[in-house]
Amino acid sequence: MGPGPPVCSGRAAMPEITSELWINAPLQKVYAAAQENERFPEIMEDLSSLTVLEKEGNRVVSQWVGVVSAFRLKIRWTQEDVWDYEAKTCTFRQLSGDFDSMEGEWRFVEEDAKTLFTSSVRYEYSVPGLGQLASRVIQGLMSKNLDATLAAIGRAAEA
């Protein structure tokens, strides 16, 4: 799946991107791999670093540094993840950082010993003076990154 239409949630419309991937591993293994965010810089090409700041119960706060190699640009943000162990989801949102706003959800569903991993992200990232062209480029980069994130977690779970 690729970029979707803007989503309204009582504030300015934000682009929403949804991606999904079938992973050849049981749900518990995929869910566990997705929670090992300390390992993400090892398995994700566009992630320079990730530092866990807080971990309490089902809540994790971490600092991320992503790399947009095409523009030699680093994007930094602090993110809160809240895991729902019963529903097998994770909701996340930026607490501070370079995005104007960013939030989303990971959802995991098992079928026949395989797992459907779906990720949706809504974001705002403005580049002053570059307008719509920059918005389309950023949306494409966000979509590519989302696909790469699912694939990296999938490879980790299948290993």
N, C-alpha and C. Protein backbone atom coordinates (compact mmCIF):
# COMPACT_ATOMS: atom_id res chain seq x y z
N MET A 1 0.84 -1.18 0.00
CA MET A 1 0.00 0.00 0.00
C MET A 1 0.88 1.23 0.00
N GLY A 2 0.40 2.29 -0.53
CA GLY A 2 1.18 3.52 -0.61
C GLY A 2 0.52 4.65 0.12
N PRO A 3 0.88 5.86 -0.28
CA PRO A 3 0.32 7.04 0.38
C PRO A 3 -1.19 7.07 0.24
N GLY A 4 -1.85 7.50 1.28
CA GLY A 4 -3.31 7.62 1.26
C GLY A 4 -3.71 9.08 1.25
N PRO A 5 -4.99 9.33 1.23
CA PRO A 5 -5.46 10.70 1.23
C PRO A 5 -5.21 11.35 2.58
N PRO A 6 -5.20 12.68 2.61
CA PRO A 6 -5.05 13.35 3.90
C PRO A 6 -6.16 12.93 4.86
N VAL A 7 -5.81 12.85 6.12
CA VAL A 7 -6.76 12.44 7.15
C VAL A 7 -7.03 13.64 8.04
N CYS A 8 -8.29 13.87 8.36
CA CYS A 8 -8.64 14.98 9.24
C CYS A 8 -8.95 14.44 10.62
N SER A 9 -8.41 15.06 11.63
CA SER A 9 -8.68 14.62 12.99
C SER A 9 -8.93 15.83 13.88
N GLY A 10 -9.71 16.77 13.40
CA GLY A 10 -10.02 17.94 14.19
C GLY A 10 -8.97 19.03 14.07
N ARG A 11 -7.93 18.80 13.30
CA ARG A 11 -6.91 19.81 13.06
C ARG A 11 -6.57 19.78 11.58
N ALA A 12 -5.51 20.44 11.20
CA ALA A 12 -5.16 20.49 9.78
C ALA A 12 -4.96 19.07 9.24
N ALA A 13 -5.31 18.87 7.97
CA ALA A 13 -5.17 17.56 7.34
C ALA A 13 -3.70 17.17 7.27
N MET A 14 -3.42 15.91 7.59
CA MET A 14 -2.07 15.38 7.52
C MET A 14 -2.06 14.23 6.53
N PRO A 15 -0.98 14.10 5.76
CA PRO A 15 -0.89 12.91 4.90
C PRO A 15 -0.85 11.67 5.78
N GLU A 16 -1.45 10.59 5.28
CA GLU A 16 -1.38 9.30 5.97
C GLU A 16 -0.82 8.28 5.00
N ILE A 17 0.13 7.51 5.50
CA ILE A 17 0.73 6.45 4.70
C ILE A 17 0.47 5.14 5.43
N THR A 18 0.04 4.13 4.69
CA THR A 18 -0.19 2.81 5.26
C THR A 18 0.58 1.79 4.44
N SER A 19 1.21 0.88 5.13
CA SER A 19 1.95 -0.19 4.47
C SER A 19 1.66 -1.49 5.21
N GLU A 20 1.67 -2.59 4.48
CA GLU A 20 1.47 -3.88 5.14
C GLU A 20 2.36 -4.92 4.50
N LEU A 21 2.70 -5.93 5.31
CA LEU A 21 3.61 -6.97 4.86
C LEU A 21 3.24 -8.28 5.56
N TRP A 22 3.13 -9.36 4.77
CA TRP A 22 2.98 -10.69 5.36
C TRP A 22 4.37 -11.18 5.72
N ILE A 23 4.53 -11.64 6.97
CA ILE A 23 5.81 -12.13 7.46
C ILE A 23 5.66 -13.61 7.77
N ASN A 24 6.61 -14.39 7.31
CA ASN A 24 6.56 -15.84 7.45
C ASN A 24 7.08 -16.25 8.84
N ALA A 25 6.36 -15.80 9.85
CA ALA A 25 6.71 -16.10 11.25
C ALA A 25 5.45 -15.93 12.09
N PRO A 26 5.37 -16.65 13.21
CA PRO A 26 4.21 -16.50 14.09
C PRO A 26 4.13 -15.10 14.69
N LEU A 27 2.93 -14.70 15.03
CA LEU A 27 2.67 -13.35 15.55
C LEU A 27 3.56 -13.02 16.74
N GLN A 28 3.70 -13.92 17.70
CA GLN A 28 4.48 -13.62 18.91
C GLN A 28 5.92 -13.28 18.56
N LYS A 29 6.49 -13.96 17.57
CA LYS A 29 7.88 -13.70 17.17
C LYS A 29 8.00 -12.34 16.48
N VAL A 30 7.04 -12.01 15.63
CA VAL A 30 7.06 -10.71 14.95
C VAL A 30 6.84 -9.58 15.96
N TYR A 31 5.89 -9.77 16.85
CA TYR A 31 5.58 -8.77 17.87
C TYR A 31 6.80 -8.52 18.76
N ALA A 32 7.50 -9.60 19.13
CA ALA A 32 8.71 -9.46 19.96
C ALA A 32 9.81 -8.72 19.20
N ALA A 33 10.00 -9.04 17.92
CA ALA A 33 11.03 -8.36 17.11
C ALA A 33 10.71 -6.87 16.97
N ALA A 34 9.44 -6.54 16.85
CA ALA A 34 9.03 -5.12 16.71
C ALA A 34 9.29 -4.34 17.99
N GLN A 35 9.29 -5.01 19.13
CA GLN A 35 9.52 -4.34 20.41
C GLN A 35 11.00 -4.14 20.72
N GLU A 36 11.88 -4.76 19.96
CA GLU A 36 13.33 -4.65 20.20
C GLU A 36 13.90 -3.42 19.50
N ASN A 37 13.36 -2.23 19.83
CA ASN A 37 13.77 -1.06 19.08
C ASN A 37 15.23 -0.67 19.30
N GLU A 38 15.86 -1.16 20.36
CA GLU A 38 17.28 -0.90 20.55
C GLU A 38 18.10 -1.47 19.39
N ARG A 39 17.60 -2.51 18.75
CA ARG A 39 18.29 -3.17 17.62
C ARG A 39 18.01 -2.50 16.28
N PHE A 40 17.05 -1.60 16.22
CA PHE A 40 16.65 -1.03 14.93
C PHE A 40 17.81 -0.43 14.13
N PRO A 41 18.75 0.30 14.75
CA PRO A 41 19.85 0.85 13.94
C PRO A 41 20.68 -0.24 13.25
N GLU A 42 20.72 -1.45 13.82
CA GLU A 42 21.45 -2.56 13.21
C GLU A 42 20.72 -3.12 11.99
N ILE A 43 19.40 -3.05 11.99
CA ILE A 43 18.63 -3.71 10.93
C ILE A 43 17.96 -2.74 9.96
N MET A 44 18.01 -1.44 10.27
CA MET A 44 17.35 -0.44 9.41
C MET A 44 18.40 0.51 8.83
N GLU A 45 18.49 0.47 7.52
CA GLU A 45 19.51 1.25 6.80
C GLU A 45 19.40 2.76 7.03
N ASP A 46 18.19 3.29 7.11
CA ASP A 46 17.99 4.74 7.20
C ASP A 46 17.91 5.26 8.64
N LEU A 47 18.30 4.43 9.60
CA LEU A 47 18.26 4.85 11.00
C LEU A 47 19.68 4.91 11.53
N SER A 48 20.13 6.12 11.84
CA SER A 48 21.49 6.33 12.32
C SER A 48 21.64 5.88 13.77
N SER A 49 20.67 6.26 14.62
CA SER A 49 20.74 5.86 16.03
C SER A 49 19.35 5.87 16.65
N LEU A 50 19.24 5.12 17.74
CA LEU A 50 18.02 5.08 18.53
C LEU A 50 18.46 4.84 19.98
N THR A 51 18.03 5.74 20.86
CA THR A 51 18.38 5.64 22.28
C THR A 51 17.11 5.58 23.10
N VAL A 52 16.96 4.51 23.88
CA VAL A 52 15.79 4.38 24.75
C VAL A 52 16.02 5.27 25.97
N LEU A 53 15.08 6.18 26.21
CA LEU A 53 15.17 7.10 27.35
C LEU A 53 14.39 6.61 28.55
N GLU A 54 13.23 5.99 28.30
CA GLU A 54 12.37 5.48 29.37
C GLU A 54 11.73 4.18 28.90
N LYS A 55 11.58 3.27 29.82
CA LYS A 55 10.88 2.02 29.54
C LYS A 55 10.17 1.63 30.82
N GLU A 56 8.84 1.75 30.79
CA GLU A 56 8.05 1.42 31.98
C GLU A 56 6.76 0.74 31.55
N GLY A 57 6.62 -0.52 31.93
CA GLY A 57 5.41 -1.26 31.55
C GLY A 57 5.31 -1.37 30.04
N ASN A 58 4.18 -0.90 29.51
CA ASN A 58 3.94 -0.98 28.07
C ASN A 58 4.33 0.31 27.33
N ARG A 59 5.00 1.24 28.01
CA ARG A 59 5.36 2.54 27.43
C ARG A 59 6.88 2.64 27.26
N VAL A 60 7.30 3.09 26.06
CA VAL A 60 8.71 3.28 25.76
C VAL A 60 8.87 4.67 25.14
N VAL A 61 9.84 5.43 25.63
CA VAL A 61 10.19 6.73 25.05
C VAL A 61 11.62 6.62 24.53
N SER A 62 11.82 7.00 23.27
CA SER A 62 13.15 6.86 22.68
C SER A 62 13.45 8.04 21.74
N GLN A 63 14.76 8.30 21.60
CA GLN A 63 15.23 9.32 20.67
C GLN A 63 15.70 8.63 19.39
N TRP A 64 15.26 9.16 18.26
CA TRP A 64 15.58 8.59 16.95
C TRP A 64 16.37 9.60 16.14
N VAL A 65 17.30 9.10 15.33
CA VAL A 65 17.98 9.93 14.34
C VAL A 65 17.93 9.15 13.03
N GLY A 66 17.14 9.67 12.10
CA GLY A 66 17.00 9.06 10.78
C GLY A 66 17.85 9.80 9.77
N VAL A 67 18.20 9.11 8.69
CA VAL A 67 19.05 9.69 7.66
C VAL A 67 18.29 9.66 6.34
N VAL A 68 18.24 10.82 5.67
CA VAL A 68 17.69 10.91 4.32
C VAL A 68 18.90 11.11 3.42
N SER A 69 19.49 9.98 2.96
CA SER A 69 20.75 10.05 2.23
C SER A 69 20.67 10.87 0.95
N ALA A 70 19.52 10.85 0.28
CA ALA A 70 19.38 11.61 -0.97
C ALA A 70 19.64 13.10 -0.76
N PHE A 71 19.34 13.61 0.43
CA PHE A 71 19.51 15.03 0.72
C PHE A 71 20.59 15.29 1.76
N ARG A 72 21.32 14.22 2.16
CA ARG A 72 22.34 14.35 3.21
C ARG A 72 21.76 15.08 4.43
N LEU A 73 20.63 14.59 4.86
CA LEU A 73 19.86 15.24 5.92
C LEU A 73 19.61 14.25 7.05
N LYS A 74 19.71 14.73 8.28
CA LYS A 74 19.35 13.92 9.44
C LYS A 74 18.07 14.49 10.02
N ILE A 75 17.15 13.61 10.39
CA ILE A 75 15.90 14.00 11.02
C ILE A 75 15.90 13.39 12.42
N ARG A 76 15.63 14.24 13.41
CA ARG A 76 15.68 13.79 14.81
C ARG A 76 14.30 13.97 15.45
N TRP A 77 13.94 13.00 16.29
CA TRP A 77 12.69 13.14 17.04
C TRP A 77 12.72 12.23 18.27
N THR A 78 11.90 12.60 19.25
CA THR A 78 11.68 11.77 20.43
C THR A 78 10.27 11.22 20.31
N GLN A 79 10.16 9.91 20.48
CA GLN A 79 8.90 9.21 20.21
C GLN A 79 8.45 8.42 21.43
N GLU A 80 7.13 8.42 21.63
CA GLU A 80 6.51 7.60 22.66
C GLU A 80 5.78 6.45 21.98
N ASP A 81 6.07 5.22 22.41
CA ASP A 81 5.37 4.03 21.94
C ASP A 81 4.55 3.49 23.09
N VAL A 82 3.30 3.13 22.82
CA VAL A 82 2.46 2.49 23.82
C VAL A 82 1.98 1.17 23.23
N TRP A 83 2.41 0.07 23.84
CA TRP A 83 2.11 -1.28 23.37
C TRP A 83 0.85 -1.81 24.05
N ASP A 84 -0.05 -2.34 23.26
CA ASP A 84 -1.25 -3.00 23.78
C ASP A 84 -1.05 -4.49 23.55
N TYR A 85 -0.62 -5.19 24.60
CA TYR A 85 -0.26 -6.60 24.47
C TYR A 85 -1.45 -7.48 24.13
N GLU A 86 -2.63 -7.10 24.57
CA GLU A 86 -3.83 -7.90 24.29
C GLU A 86 -4.28 -7.74 22.84
N ALA A 87 -4.34 -6.49 22.36
CA ALA A 87 -4.79 -6.22 20.99
C ALA A 87 -3.69 -6.42 19.96
N LYS A 88 -2.45 -6.58 20.41
CA LYS A 88 -1.28 -6.73 19.53
C LYS A 88 -1.12 -5.51 18.62
N THR A 89 -1.07 -4.35 19.25
CA THR A 89 -0.86 -3.10 18.53
C THR A 89 0.19 -2.27 19.27
N CYS A 90 0.68 -1.27 18.58
CA CYS A 90 1.54 -0.25 19.19
C CYS A 90 1.13 1.08 18.59
N THR A 91 0.77 2.03 19.44
CA THR A 91 0.51 3.38 18.95
C THR A 91 1.73 4.21 19.29
N PHE A 92 2.08 5.12 18.41
CA PHE A 92 3.26 5.93 18.63
C PHE A 92 2.97 7.37 18.23
N ARG A 93 3.77 8.28 18.84
CA ARG A 93 3.64 9.70 18.50
C ARG A 93 4.94 10.41 18.84
N GLN A 94 5.21 11.43 18.06
CA GLN A 94 6.38 12.25 18.34
C GLN A 94 6.07 13.15 19.54
N LEU A 95 6.99 13.19 20.49
CA LEU A 95 6.87 14.10 21.63
C LEU A 95 7.57 15.42 21.34
N SER A 96 8.67 15.35 20.61
CA SER A 96 9.41 16.55 20.18
C SER A 96 10.28 16.15 19.01
N GLY A 97 10.69 17.15 18.22
CA GLY A 97 11.59 16.82 17.12
C GLY A 97 11.32 17.61 15.86
N ASP A 98 11.88 17.11 14.77
CA ASP A 98 11.88 17.82 13.50
C ASP A 98 10.57 17.77 12.73
N PHE A 99 9.75 16.78 12.99
CA PHE A 99 8.43 16.75 12.35
C PHE A 99 7.57 17.82 12.99
N ASP A 100 6.66 18.42 12.23
CA ASP A 100 5.68 19.32 12.83
C ASP A 100 4.76 18.48 13.72
N SER A 101 4.44 17.28 13.26
CA SER A 101 3.73 16.28 14.06
C SER A 101 3.90 14.93 13.37
N MET A 102 3.80 13.86 14.17
CA MET A 102 3.91 12.51 13.64
C MET A 102 3.28 11.56 14.64
N GLU A 103 2.42 10.69 14.14
CA GLU A 103 1.74 9.70 14.98
C GLU A 103 1.32 8.53 14.11
N GLY A 104 1.09 7.40 14.73
CA GLY A 104 0.66 6.26 13.94
C GLY A 104 0.40 5.02 14.78
N GLU A 105 0.29 3.89 14.08
CA GLU A 105 -0.03 2.64 14.75
C GLU A 105 0.58 1.47 13.97
N TRP A 106 1.05 0.50 14.73
CA TRP A 106 1.43 -0.80 14.18
C TRP A 106 0.38 -1.79 14.64
N ARG A 107 -0.03 -2.68 13.73
CA ARG A 107 -1.04 -3.70 14.05
C ARG A 107 -0.53 -5.05 13.54
N PHE A 108 -0.73 -6.09 14.34
CA PHE A 108 -0.24 -7.43 14.03
C PHE A 108 -1.40 -8.42 14.08
N VAL A 109 -1.58 -9.20 13.00
CA VAL A 109 -2.66 -10.19 12.93
C VAL A 109 -2.06 -11.50 12.41
N GLU A 110 -2.35 -12.59 13.12
CA GLU A 110 -1.82 -13.90 12.70
C GLU A 110 -2.86 -14.67 11.90
N GLU A 111 -2.36 -15.37 10.86
CA GLU A 111 -3.21 -16.24 10.06
C GLU A 111 -2.34 -17.35 9.49
N ASP A 112 -2.68 -18.59 9.80
CA ASP A 112 -1.94 -19.76 9.29
C ASP A 112 -0.44 -19.66 9.56
N ALA A 113 -0.05 -19.34 10.79
CA ALA A 113 1.35 -19.25 11.23
C ALA A 113 2.14 -18.14 10.53
N LYS A 114 1.46 -17.26 9.86
CA LYS A 114 2.08 -16.07 9.27
C LYS A 114 1.49 -14.86 9.96
N THR A 115 2.16 -13.72 9.85
CA THR A 115 1.70 -12.51 10.51
C THR A 115 1.57 -11.38 9.50
N LEU A 116 0.42 -10.73 9.52
CA LEU A 116 0.22 -9.52 8.72
C LEU A 116 0.59 -8.34 9.62
N PHE A 117 1.62 -7.62 9.20
CA PHE A 117 2.12 -6.47 9.94
C PHE A 117 1.71 -5.24 9.16
N THR A 118 0.86 -4.40 9.77
CA THR A 118 0.36 -3.19 9.12
C THR A 118 0.82 -1.98 9.91
N SER A 119 1.30 -0.98 9.19
CA SER A 119 1.74 0.25 9.84
C SER A 119 1.08 1.43 9.14
N SER A 120 0.55 2.34 9.93
CA SER A 120 -0.02 3.59 9.42
C SER A 120 0.67 4.74 10.14
N VAL A 121 1.01 5.76 9.40
CA VAL A 121 1.64 6.94 10.00
C VAL A 121 1.02 8.19 9.39
N ARG A 122 0.72 9.15 10.26
CA ARG A 122 0.23 10.46 9.85
C ARG A 122 1.28 11.46 10.29
N TYR A 123 1.62 12.39 9.41
CA TYR A 123 2.71 13.28 9.73
C TYR A 123 2.53 14.64 9.06
N GLU A 124 3.23 15.60 9.61
CA GLU A 124 3.40 16.90 8.97
C GLU A 124 4.89 17.21 9.06
N TYR A 125 5.47 17.58 7.93
CA TYR A 125 6.88 17.96 7.89
C TYR A 125 6.99 19.04 6.84
N SER A 126 7.18 20.27 7.28
CA SER A 126 7.22 21.36 6.31
C SER A 126 8.65 21.81 6.06
N VAL A 127 8.90 22.10 4.80
CA VAL A 127 10.18 22.64 4.38
C VAL A 127 9.88 24.04 3.85
N PRO A 128 10.17 25.09 4.63
CA PRO A 128 9.84 26.46 4.22
C PRO A 128 10.39 26.79 2.83
N GLY A 129 9.50 27.37 2.02
CA GLY A 129 9.90 27.83 0.69
C GLY A 129 9.89 26.78 -0.40
N LEU A 130 9.66 25.51 -0.06
CA LEU A 130 9.70 24.47 -1.09
C LEU A 130 8.32 23.96 -1.49
N GLY A 131 7.31 24.24 -0.71
CA GLY A 131 5.92 23.97 -1.08
C GLY A 131 5.59 22.55 -1.46
N GLN A 132 4.68 22.41 -2.46
CA GLN A 132 4.10 21.12 -2.85
C GLN A 132 5.12 20.11 -3.37
N LEU A 133 6.13 20.58 -4.11
CA LEU A 133 7.12 19.64 -4.64
C LEU A 133 7.81 18.92 -3.49
N ALA A 134 8.23 19.68 -2.49
CA ALA A 134 8.88 19.07 -1.32
C ALA A 134 7.92 18.13 -0.61
N SER A 135 6.65 18.50 -0.51
CA SER A 135 5.66 17.64 0.15
C SER A 135 5.55 16.29 -0.54
N ARG A 136 5.53 16.29 -1.87
CA ARG A 136 5.43 15.03 -2.62
C ARG A 136 6.70 14.19 -2.44
N VAL A 137 7.85 14.84 -2.47
CA VAL A 137 9.12 14.12 -2.28
C VAL A 137 9.16 13.51 -0.88
N ILE A 138 8.78 14.28 0.13
CA ILE A 138 8.79 13.80 1.51
C ILE A 138 7.81 12.64 1.67
N GLN A 139 6.64 12.74 1.05
CA GLN A 139 5.65 11.66 1.15
C GLN A 139 6.23 10.38 0.53
N GLY A 140 6.92 10.51 -0.59
CA GLY A 140 7.55 9.34 -1.22
C GLY A 140 8.62 8.73 -0.33
N LEU A 141 9.43 9.59 0.31
CA LEU A 141 10.47 9.11 1.22
C LEU A 141 9.86 8.44 2.45
N MET A 142 8.79 9.01 2.98
CA MET A 142 8.12 8.43 4.14
C MET A 142 7.55 7.04 3.78
N SER A 143 6.96 6.92 2.61
CA SER A 143 6.39 5.65 2.16
C SER A 143 7.49 4.60 2.01
N LYS A 144 8.60 4.99 1.39
CA LYS A 144 9.73 4.07 1.21
C LYS A 144 10.28 3.64 2.57
N ASN A 145 10.39 4.58 3.50
CA ASN A 145 10.90 4.27 4.83
C ASN A 145 9.97 3.32 5.58
N LEU A 146 8.68 3.54 5.45
CA LEU A 146 7.70 2.68 6.13
C LEU A 146 7.82 1.24 5.61
N ASP A 147 7.91 1.08 4.28
CA ASP A 147 8.09 -0.24 3.69
C ASP A 147 9.38 -0.89 4.19
N ALA A 148 10.46 -0.11 4.26
CA ALA A 148 11.75 -0.64 4.71
C ALA A 148 11.71 -1.04 6.18
N THR A 149 10.97 -0.30 7.00
CA THR A 149 10.83 -0.63 8.42
C THR A 149 10.14 -1.97 8.59
N LEU A 150 9.03 -2.17 7.90
CA LEU A 150 8.31 -3.44 7.99
C LEU A 150 9.20 -4.58 7.50
N ALA A 151 9.90 -4.38 6.40
CA ALA A 151 10.77 -5.43 5.84
C ALA A 151 11.89 -5.77 6.82
N ALA A 152 12.49 -4.78 7.46
CA ALA A 152 13.58 -5.04 8.41
C ALA A 152 13.08 -5.84 9.61
N ILE A 153 11.93 -5.47 10.15
CA ILE A 153 11.38 -6.22 11.28
C ILE A 153 10.98 -7.62 10.83
N GLY A 154 10.46 -7.73 9.62
CA GLY A 154 10.12 -9.04 9.07
C GLY A 154 11.35 -9.95 8.96
N ARG A 155 12.45 -9.41 8.44
CA ARG A 155 13.67 -10.21 8.33
C ARG A 155 14.17 -10.65 9.71
N ALA A 156 14.09 -9.75 10.69
CA ALA A 156 14.53 -10.08 12.05
C ALA A 156 13.66 -11.19 12.64
N ALA A 157 12.35 -11.14 12.40
CA ALA A 157 11.44 -12.15 12.94
C ALA A 157 11.60 -13.50 12.24
N GLU A 158 11.91 -13.47 10.96
CA GLU A 158 12.06 -14.72 10.21
C GLU A 158 13.42 -15.39 10.43
N ALA A 159 14.38 -14.64 10.96
CA ALA A 159 15.74 -15.20 11.16
C ALA A 159 15.76 -16.25 12.24
